Amino acid sequence: MVGHPKFLKNPLYIGGISYMGLVTPIITMKVYEAQYLYAKISFMGIQGYILGSPLTDKFMDFNSRLEYSHRMALISNDIYESAIRHCRGNYVNIDTANPLCAHSLQRYKQVSI
């Protein structure tokens, strides 16, 4: 910003996509806090952050893929209902002691890849 002072009055949004959904809010807050902590940093007019298709919670984001695949007709009712019945809502952290769940998710992965 020092090299381009004409941009200091412009609103600033920090953006990120996909995995950056986990990091962009933290980076934005650090930049926002730093502009007040250090007198050498000019005010940058931070307005917020913008996220495109963000990852926000790894478990929920990945766990929802089975339902999404079913709703988009990418997997059959049989595969979906088998996973629902045997995996008890957890399609990410597979219980190795539950072979029926593992088999259901193997069928899902064969179709969805």
Protein backbone atom coordinates (compact mmCIF):
# COMPACT_ATOMS: atom_id res chain seq x y z
CA MET A 1 0.00 0.00 0.00
CA VAL A 2 2.95 2.30 0.59
CA GLY A 3 3.86 2.15 -3.10
CA HIS A 4 0.29 2.90 -4.22
CA PRO A 5 -1.28 5.39 -1.80
CA LYS A 6 -4.05 6.25 -4.28
CA PHE A 7 -5.67 2.90 -3.43
CA LEU A 8 -5.82 3.51 0.33
CA LYS A 9 -9.38 4.84 0.18
CA ASN A 10 -10.70 1.87 -1.81
CA PRO A 11 -12.70 -0.75 0.10
CA LEU A 12 -10.68 -3.92 0.66
CA TYR A 13 -12.13 -7.42 0.62
CA ILE A 14 -9.91 -10.44 1.15
CA GLY A 15 -11.06 -13.45 -0.84
CA GLY A 16 -10.55 -17.16 -1.05
CA ILE A 17 -12.06 -20.29 -2.53
CA SER A 18 -12.43 -23.92 -1.51
CA TYR A 19 -10.01 -24.87 1.31
CA MET A 20 -9.31 -21.17 1.93
CA GLY A 21 -12.76 -21.02 3.53
CA LEU A 22 -11.01 -22.27 6.67
CA VAL A 23 -8.20 -19.71 6.53
CA THR A 24 -9.51 -16.52 4.88
CA PRO A 25 -11.61 -15.33 7.87
CA ILE A 26 -8.59 -15.73 10.16
CA ILE A 27 -6.24 -13.90 7.77
CA THR A 28 -8.77 -11.09 7.36
CA MET A 29 -9.07 -10.66 11.12
CA LYS A 30 -5.27 -10.63 11.56
CA VAL A 31 -4.86 -7.95 8.87
CA TYR A 32 -7.71 -5.94 10.42
CA GLU A 33 -6.15 -6.14 13.90
CA ALA A 34 -2.63 -5.39 12.61
CA GLN A 35 -3.65 -2.11 10.98
CA TYR A 36 -4.54 -0.75 14.42
CA LEU A 37 -1.66 -2.30 16.35
CA TYR A 38 1.17 -0.96 14.24
CA ALA A 39 1.36 2.75 13.52
CA LYS A 40 3.49 2.07 10.41
CA ILE A 41 0.60 0.32 8.66
CA SER A 42 -1.83 2.67 7.00
CA PHE A 43 -5.54 2.13 7.37
CA MET A 44 -6.56 -0.23 4.57
CA GLY A 45 -10.34 0.07 4.61
CA ILE A 46 -11.11 -3.60 5.20
CA GLN A 47 -14.80 -4.23 4.57
CA GLY A 48 -14.79 -8.00 4.98
CA TYR A 49 -14.03 -11.20 3.16
CA ILE A 50 -15.48 -13.05 0.20
CA LEU A 51 -15.58 -16.85 -0.09
CA GLY A 52 -16.41 -18.93 -3.15
CA SER A 53 -17.51 -22.52 -2.62
CA PRO A 54 -15.76 -22.57 0.75
CA LEU A 55 -14.77 -25.50 2.89
CA THR A 56 -16.01 -24.54 6.33
CA ASP A 57 -16.16 -27.74 8.34
CA LYS A 58 -14.25 -30.72 6.97
CA PHE A 59 -16.45 -33.37 8.55
CA MET A 60 -19.76 -31.79 7.56
CA ASP A 61 -18.60 -30.83 4.07
CA PHE A 62 -17.30 -34.31 3.24
CA ASN A 63 -20.06 -36.12 5.11
CA SER A 64 -22.75 -34.33 3.09
CA ARG A 65 -21.42 -35.63 -0.23
CA LEU A 66 -23.33 -38.91 0.01
CA GLU A 67 -26.67 -37.13 0.39
CA TYR A 68 -25.76 -34.65 -2.35
CA SER A 69 -24.87 -37.53 -4.70
CA HIS A 70 -28.23 -39.12 -4.00
CA ARG A 71 -30.20 -35.90 -4.50
CA MET A 72 -28.45 -35.31 -7.83
CA ALA A 73 -29.29 -38.90 -8.89
CA LEU A 74 -25.60 -39.81 -9.09
CA ILE A 75 -26.11 -42.87 -6.89
CA SER A 76 -29.03 -45.28 -6.63
CA ASN A 77 -31.58 -45.39 -3.84
CA ASP A 78 -30.18 -48.80 -2.92
CA ILE A 79 -26.65 -47.49 -2.33
CA TYR A 80 -27.92 -44.43 -0.45
CA GLU A 81 -30.32 -46.38 1.79
CA SER A 82 -27.68 -49.01 2.51
CA ALA A 83 -25.23 -46.33 3.67
CA ILE A 84 -27.92 -44.61 5.75
CA ARG A 85 -28.90 -47.90 7.38
CA HIS A 86 -25.40 -49.21 8.11
CA CYS A 87 -23.20 -46.15 8.68
CA ARG A 88 -25.38 -44.28 11.20
CA GLY A 89 -24.82 -40.87 9.57
CA ASN A 90 -21.02 -41.02 9.52
CA TYR A 91 -19.64 -41.46 6.00
CA VAL A 92 -16.20 -39.96 6.65
CA ASN A 93 -14.74 -41.70 9.70
CA ILE A 94 -15.62 -45.27 8.82
CA ASP A 95 -15.86 -47.73 11.70
CA THR A 96 -13.61 -50.61 10.60
CA ALA A 97 -15.57 -52.94 12.88
CA ASN A 98 -18.65 -52.29 10.73
CA PRO A 99 -18.16 -54.23 7.47
CA LEU A 100 -21.68 -53.42 6.22
CA CYS A 101 -20.91 -49.70 6.36
CA ALA A 102 -17.54 -50.22 4.68
CA HIS A 103 -19.21 -52.23 1.91
CA SER A 104 -21.92 -49.57 1.41
CA LEU A 105 -19.35 -46.81 1.11
CA GLN A 106 -17.19 -48.90 -1.21
CA ARG A 107 -20.19 -49.22 -3.54
CA TYR A 108 -20.72 -45.44 -3.29
CA LYS A 109 -17.07 -44.71 -4.10
CA GLN A 110 -17.10 -47.01 -7.13
CA VAL A 111 -20.02 -45.10 -8.61
CA SER A 112 -19.01 -41.58 -7.59
CA ILE A 113 -15.42 -41.58 -8.84
